[in-house]
């Protein structure tokens, strides 16, 4: 059902999304959708929850004892060098739904949770880097907010304009990461 919802949003956009459009992409019956959900927003909320869990699992799969590598993995997951068609479609779907968070309190709550969980993950890695280096006076939460703002801004820019800022923003984030780690960027 998640795949069907993703495909329907990618094909129709949120404003033209209907339960019928989801059912057209779904291998099972439309009545099964109505049995489990009252409306399309409940289905989309499940898609968002699934996407969050999938993303965090993908990052967890790459987690090591090295916080620098862990932050690189976050950048790689969100801003890959050569995104696949599926990753590009995922960006479009996420931005389509993020735009709905302006007026949909449930979506806003979900995106708030996504950003807070990602912030906490990034802040934890930054804190570990700073602790290992014995650095004081750098706020890990502020650094995480900066990382998150650049990640989200890059995703928005890549979907809503014809400009490709991804390579420059990847370099910027990785340079910031190297600075935090006390290494010289290449």
C-alpha atoms as a PDB file:
ATOM      1  CA  UNK A   1       0.000   0.000   0.000  1.00  0.00           C
ATOM      2  CA  UNK A   2       2.905   2.339   0.707  1.00  0.00           C
ATOM      3  CA  UNK A   3       4.293   1.782  -2.774  1.00  0.00           C
ATOM      4  CA  UNK A   4       0.881   2.414  -4.314  1.00  0.00           C
ATOM      5  CA  UNK A   5       0.480   5.672  -2.396  1.00  0.00           C
ATOM      6  CA  UNK A   6       3.983   6.796  -3.357  1.00  0.00           C
ATOM      7  CA  UNK A   7       3.319   6.007  -7.039  1.00  0.00           C
ATOM      8  CA  UNK A   8      -0.054   7.769  -6.997  1.00  0.00           C
ATOM      9  CA  UNK A   9       1.393  10.936  -5.425  1.00  0.00           C
ATOM     10  CA  UNK A  10       4.286  10.919  -7.864  1.00  0.00           C
ATOM     11  CA  UNK A  11       1.928  10.473 -10.807  1.00  0.00           C
ATOM     12  CA  UNK A  12      -0.889  12.833  -9.747  1.00  0.00           C
ATOM     13  CA  UNK A  13       0.518  15.160  -7.103  1.00  0.00           C
ATOM     14  CA  UNK A  14      -1.189  15.664  -3.781  1.00  0.00           C
ATOM     15  CA  UNK A  15      -3.926  18.009  -4.974  1.00  0.00           C
ATOM     16  CA  UNK A  16      -5.185  15.459  -7.514  1.00  0.00           C
ATOM     17  CA  UNK A  17      -4.619  12.462  -5.256  1.00  0.00           C
ATOM     18  CA  UNK A  18      -7.701  10.378  -4.580  1.00  0.00           C
ATOM     19  CA  UNK A  19      -8.269   7.032  -2.957  1.00  0.00           C
ATOM     20  CA  UNK A  20      -9.178   5.809  -6.432  1.00  0.00           C
ATOM     21  CA  UNK A  21      -5.777   6.941  -7.747  1.00  0.00           C
ATOM     22  CA  UNK A  22      -4.118   5.000  -4.927  1.00  0.00           C
ATOM     23  CA  UNK A  23      -6.364   1.998  -5.620  1.00  0.00           C
ATOM     24  CA  UNK A  24      -5.343   2.110  -9.292  1.00  0.00           C
ATOM     25  CA  UNK A  25      -1.722   1.600  -8.167  1.00  0.00           C
ATOM     26  CA  UNK A  26      -2.656  -0.949  -5.484  1.00  0.00           C
ATOM     27  CA  UNK A  27      -2.547  -4.688  -6.208  1.00  0.00           C
ATOM     28  CA  UNK A  28      -5.456  -5.380  -3.868  1.00  0.00           C
ATOM     29  CA  UNK A  29      -8.995  -4.087  -3.772  1.00  0.00           C
ATOM     30  CA  UNK A  30     -10.085  -0.529  -3.202  1.00  0.00           C
ATOM     31  CA  UNK A  31     -12.427  -1.768  -0.468  1.00  0.00           C
ATOM     32  CA  UNK A  32      -9.384  -2.868   1.528  1.00  0.00           C
ATOM     33  CA  UNK A  33      -8.185   0.741   1.532  1.00  0.00           C
ATOM     34  CA  UNK A  34     -11.575   1.943   2.792  1.00  0.00           C
ATOM     35  CA  UNK A  35     -11.589  -0.797   5.426  1.00  0.00           C
ATOM     36  CA  UNK A  36      -8.348   0.508   6.958  1.00  0.00           C
ATOM     37  CA  UNK A  37      -8.542   4.252   6.216  1.00  0.00           C
ATOM     38  CA  UNK A  38     -11.164   6.979   6.373  1.00  0.00           C
ATOM     39  CA  UNK A  39      -9.489   9.270   3.855  1.00  0.00           C
ATOM     40  CA  UNK A  40      -6.420   9.860   1.738  1.00  0.00           C
ATOM     41  CA  UNK A  41      -4.674  11.868   4.451  1.00  0.00           C
ATOM     42  CA  UNK A  42      -4.590   8.829   6.734  1.00  0.00           C
ATOM     43  CA  UNK A  43      -3.015   6.799   3.940  1.00  0.00           C
ATOM     44  CA  UNK A  44      -0.474   9.544   3.260  1.00  0.00           C
ATOM     45  CA  UNK A  45       0.321   9.800   6.982  1.00  0.00           C
ATOM     46  CA  UNK A  46       1.171   6.085   6.942  1.00  0.00           C
ATOM     47  CA  UNK A  47       3.413   6.675   3.925  1.00  0.00           C
ATOM     48  CA  UNK A  48       5.251   9.434   5.798  1.00  0.00           C
ATOM     49  CA  UNK A  49       5.698   7.250   8.881  1.00  0.00           C
ATOM     50  CA  UNK A  50       7.038   4.446   6.709  1.00  0.00           C
ATOM     51  CA  UNK A  51       9.409   6.826   4.897  1.00  0.00           C
ATOM     52  CA  UNK A  52      10.794   8.113   8.202  1.00  0.00           C
ATOM     53  CA  UNK A  53      11.394   4.603   9.511  1.00  0.00           C
ATOM     54  CA  UNK A  54      12.954   3.554   6.202  1.00  0.00           C
ATOM     55  CA  UNK A  55      15.309   6.541   6.150  1.00  0.00           C
ATOM     56  CA  UNK A  56      16.443   6.074   9.741  1.00  0.00           C
ATOM     57  CA  UNK A  57      16.943   2.336   9.097  1.00  0.00           C
ATOM     58  CA  UNK A  58      19.041   3.123   6.019  1.00  0.00           C
ATOM     59  CA  UNK A  59      21.203   5.465   8.089  1.00  0.00           C
ATOM     60  CA  UNK A  60      21.371   2.938  10.948  1.00  0.00           C
ATOM     61  CA  UNK A  61      22.556   0.269   8.522  1.00  0.00           C
ATOM     62  CA  UNK A  62      25.552   2.477   7.788  1.00  0.00           C
ATOM     63  CA  UNK A  63      26.208   3.435  11.415  1.00  0.00           C
ATOM     64  CA  UNK A  64      29.683   2.734  12.743  1.00  0.00           C
ATOM     65  CA  UNK A  65      31.656   3.678  15.824  1.00  0.00           C
ATOM     66  CA  UNK A  66      32.930   6.710  13.918  1.00  0.00           C
ATOM     67  CA  UNK A  67      30.619   9.742  14.312  1.00  0.00           C
ATOM     68  CA  UNK A  68      32.267  11.475  11.337  1.00  0.00           C
ATOM     69  CA  UNK A  69      31.404   8.537   9.082  1.00  0.00           C
ATOM     70  CA  UNK A  70      27.899   8.483  10.543  1.00  0.00           C
ATOM     71  CA  UNK A  71      27.344  12.120   9.578  1.00  0.00           C
ATOM     72  CA  UNK A  72      28.754  11.430   6.121  1.00  0.00           C
ATOM     73  CA  UNK A  73      26.182   8.639   5.832  1.00  0.00           C
ATOM     74  CA  UNK A  74      23.357  11.102   6.581  1.00  0.00           C
ATOM     75  CA  UNK A  75      24.650  13.421   3.844  1.00  0.00           C
ATOM     76  CA  UNK A  76      25.013  10.482   1.439  1.00  0.00           C
ATOM     77  CA  UNK A  77      21.474   9.249   2.138  1.00  0.00           C
ATOM     78  CA  UNK A  78      19.873  12.658   1.640  1.00  0.00           C
ATOM     79  CA  UNK A  79      22.178  14.133  -0.994  1.00  0.00           C
ATOM     80  CA  UNK A  80      23.673  11.271  -3.009  1.00  0.00           C
ATOM     81  CA  UNK A  81      26.185  12.139  -5.738  1.00  0.00           C
ATOM     82  CA  UNK A  82      24.187  10.382  -8.456  1.00  0.00           C
ATOM     83  CA  UNK A  83      20.616   9.991  -7.231  1.00  0.00           C
ATOM     84  CA  UNK A  84      18.600   7.201  -8.799  1.00  0.00           C
ATOM     85  CA  UNK A  85      15.281   7.881 -10.496  1.00  0.00           C
ATOM     86  CA  UNK A  86      13.573   6.447  -7.417  1.00  0.00           C
ATOM     87  CA  UNK A  87      15.513   8.801  -5.113  1.00  0.00           C
ATOM     88  CA  UNK A  88      14.568  11.774  -7.305  1.00  0.00           C
ATOM     89  CA  UNK A  89      10.939  10.659  -7.267  1.00  0.00           C
ATOM     90  CA  UNK A  90      11.176  10.372  -3.484  1.00  0.00           C
ATOM     91  CA  UNK A  91      12.362  13.971  -3.252  1.00  0.00           C
ATOM     92  CA  UNK A  92       9.394  15.100  -5.320  1.00  0.00           C
ATOM     93  CA  UNK A  93       6.901  13.178  -3.211  1.00  0.00           C
ATOM     94  CA  UNK A  94       8.380  14.412   0.069  1.00  0.00           C
ATOM     95  CA  UNK A  95       8.353  18.028  -1.101  1.00  0.00           C
ATOM     96  CA  UNK A  96       4.805  17.648  -2.425  1.00  0.00           C
ATOM     97  CA  UNK A  97       3.721  16.465   1.009  1.00  0.00           C
ATOM     98  CA  UNK A  98       5.880  18.943   2.941  1.00  0.00           C
ATOM     99  CA  UNK A  99       4.097  21.739   1.090  1.00  0.00           C
ATOM    100  CA  UNK A 100       0.800  20.386   2.446  1.00  0.00           C
ATOM    101  CA  UNK A 101       2.141  20.741   5.996  1.00  0.00           C
ATOM    102  CA  UNK A 102       1.491  24.471   5.700  1.00  0.00           C
ATOM    103  CA  UNK A 103      -2.253  23.837   6.146  1.00  0.00           C
ATOM    104  CA  UNK A 104      -2.451  20.220   7.349  1.00  0.00           C
ATOM    105  CA  UNK A 105      -1.701  19.940  11.085  1.00  0.00           C
ATOM    106  CA  UNK A 106      -1.181  16.154  10.909  1.00  0.00           C
ATOM    107  CA  UNK A 107       1.407  16.479   8.145  1.00  0.00           C
ATOM    108  CA  UNK A 108       3.037  19.366  10.017  1.00  0.00           C
ATOM    109  CA  UNK A 109       3.311  17.174  13.115  1.00  0.00           C
ATOM    110  CA  UNK A 110       4.833  14.365  11.062  1.00  0.00           C
ATOM    111  CA  UNK A 111       7.400  16.624   9.385  1.00  0.00           C
ATOM    112  CA  UNK A 112       8.189  18.177  12.763  1.00  0.00           C
ATOM    113  CA  UNK A 113       8.868  14.686  14.107  1.00  0.00           C
ATOM    114  CA  UNK A 114      10.984  13.822  11.062  1.00  0.00           C
ATOM    115  CA  UNK A 115      13.087  16.959  11.481  1.00  0.00           C
ATOM    116  CA  UNK A 116      13.377  16.527  15.257  1.00  0.00           C
ATOM    117  CA  UNK A 117      14.504  12.906  14.952  1.00  0.00           C
ATOM    118  CA  UNK A 118      16.997  13.805  12.243  1.00  0.00           C
ATOM    119  CA  UNK A 119      18.205  16.783  14.311  1.00  0.00           C
ATOM    120  CA  UNK A 120      18.685  14.557  17.349  1.00  0.00           C
ATOM    121  CA  UNK A 121      20.607  12.022  15.307  1.00  0.00           C
ATOM    122  CA  UNK A 122      22.884  14.696  13.819  1.00  0.00           C
ATOM    123  CA  UNK A 123      23.347  16.465  17.171  1.00  0.00           C
ATOM    124  CA  UNK A 124      24.334  13.184  18.805  1.00  0.00           C
ATOM    125  CA  UNK A 125      27.027  12.592  16.203  1.00  0.00           C
ATOM    126  CA  UNK A 126      28.284  16.183  16.464  1.00  0.00           C
ATOM    127  CA  UNK A 127      28.341  15.946  20.264  1.00  0.00           C
ATOM    128  CA  UNK A 128      30.376  12.743  20.046  1.00  0.00           C
ATOM    129  CA  UNK A 129      32.852  14.359  17.631  1.00  0.00           C
ATOM    130  CA  UNK A 130      33.270  17.369  19.945  1.00  0.00           C
ATOM    131  CA  UNK A 131      33.631  15.167  23.030  1.00  0.00           C
ATOM    132  CA  UNK A 132      36.297  13.037  21.357  1.00  0.00           C
ATOM    133  CA  UNK A 133      38.234  16.160  20.418  1.00  0.00           C
ATOM    134  CA  UNK A 134      37.713  17.785  23.816  1.00  0.00           C
ATOM    135  CA  UNK A 135      36.187  20.846  22.172  1.00  0.00           C
ATOM    136  CA  UNK A 136      34.127  23.178  24.318  1.00  0.00           C
ATOM    137  CA  UNK A 137      32.082  26.194  23.342  1.00  0.00           C
ATOM    138  CA  UNK A 138      30.504  24.657  20.235  1.00  0.00           C
ATOM    139  CA  UNK A 139      26.794  23.955  20.560  1.00  0.00           C
ATOM    140  CA  UNK A 140      25.991  20.574  19.007  1.00  0.00           C
ATOM    141  CA  UNK A 141      22.313  21.493  18.700  1.00  0.00           C
ATOM    142  CA  UNK A 142      23.139  24.660  16.770  1.00  0.00           C
ATOM    143  CA  UNK A 143      25.466  22.707  14.476  1.00  0.00           C
ATOM    144  CA  UNK A 144      22.721  20.132  13.925  1.00  0.00           C
ATOM    145  CA  UNK A 145      20.223  22.879  13.075  1.00  0.00           C
ATOM    146  CA  UNK A 146      22.691  24.241  10.549  1.00  0.00           C
ATOM    147  CA  UNK A 147      23.184  20.796   8.962  1.00  0.00           C
ATOM    148  CA  UNK A 148      19.432  20.196   8.882  1.00  0.00           C
ATOM    149  CA  UNK A 149      18.696  23.607   7.358  1.00  0.00           C
ATOM    150  CA  UNK A 150      21.230  23.015   4.582  1.00  0.00           C
ATOM    151  CA  UNK A 151      19.897  19.482   3.942  1.00  0.00           C
ATOM    152  CA  UNK A 152      16.264  20.615   3.811  1.00  0.00           C
ATOM    153  CA  UNK A 153      17.074  23.724   1.792  1.00  0.00           C
ATOM    154  CA  UNK A 154      19.032  21.685  -0.729  1.00  0.00           C
ATOM    155  CA  UNK A 155      16.176  19.236  -1.128  1.00  0.00           C
ATOM    156  CA  UNK A 156      13.669  22.058  -1.602  1.00  0.00           C
ATOM    157  CA  UNK A 157      15.910  23.840  -4.116  1.00  0.00           C
ATOM    158  CA  UNK A 158      16.568  20.642  -6.073  1.00  0.00           C
ATOM    159  CA  UNK A 159      12.851  19.940  -6.452  1.00  0.00           C
ATOM    160  CA  UNK A 160      11.433  23.414  -6.943  1.00  0.00           C
ATOM    161  CA  UNK A 161      13.980  24.963  -9.316  1.00  0.00           C
ATOM    162  CA  UNK A 162      16.059  24.001 -12.321  1.00  0.00           C
ATOM    163  CA  UNK A 163      19.236  24.777 -10.379  1.00  0.00           C
ATOM    164  CA  UNK A 164      21.292  21.889  -9.092  1.00  0.00           C
ATOM    165  CA  UNK A 165      22.826  23.112  -5.856  1.00  0.00           C
ATOM    166  CA  UNK A 166      23.297  19.601  -4.518  1.00  0.00           C
ATOM    167  CA  UNK A 167      27.030  19.226  -5.367  1.00  0.00           C
ATOM    168  CA  UNK A 168      27.907  22.586  -3.797  1.00  0.00           C
ATOM    169  CA  UNK A 169      25.841  21.929  -0.673  1.00  0.00           C
ATOM    170  CA  UNK A 170      27.306  18.418  -0.302  1.00  0.00           C
ATOM    171  CA  UNK A 171      30.790  19.947  -0.418  1.00  0.00           C
ATOM    172  CA  UNK A 172      29.751  22.622   2.076  1.00  0.00           C
ATOM    173  CA  UNK A 173      28.346  20.084   4.540  1.00  0.00           C
ATOM    174  CA  UNK A 174      31.309  17.756   4.186  1.00  0.00           C
ATOM    175  CA  UNK A 175      33.733  20.673   4.674  1.00  0.00           C
ATOM    176  CA  UNK A 176      31.830  21.710   7.813  1.00  0.00           C
ATOM    177  CA  UNK A 177      31.991  18.104   8.992  1.00  0.00           C
ATOM    178  CA  UNK A 178      35.740  17.936   8.394  1.00  0.00           C
ATOM    179  CA  UNK A 179      36.171  21.190  10.306  1.00  0.00           C
ATOM    180  CA  UNK A 180      34.185  19.818  13.227  1.00  0.00           C
ATOM    181  CA  UNK A 181      36.279  16.665  13.121  1.00  0.00           C
ATOM    182  CA  UNK A 182      39.474  18.697  13.131  1.00  0.00           C
ATOM    183  CA  UNK A 183      40.578  17.370   9.797  1.00  0.00           C
ATOM    184  CA  UNK A 184      41.664  19.344   6.763  1.00  0.00           C
ATOM    185  CA  UNK A 185      39.177  19.084   3.911  1.00  0.00           C
ATOM    186  CA  UNK A 186      40.537  17.775   0.642  1.00  0.00           C
END
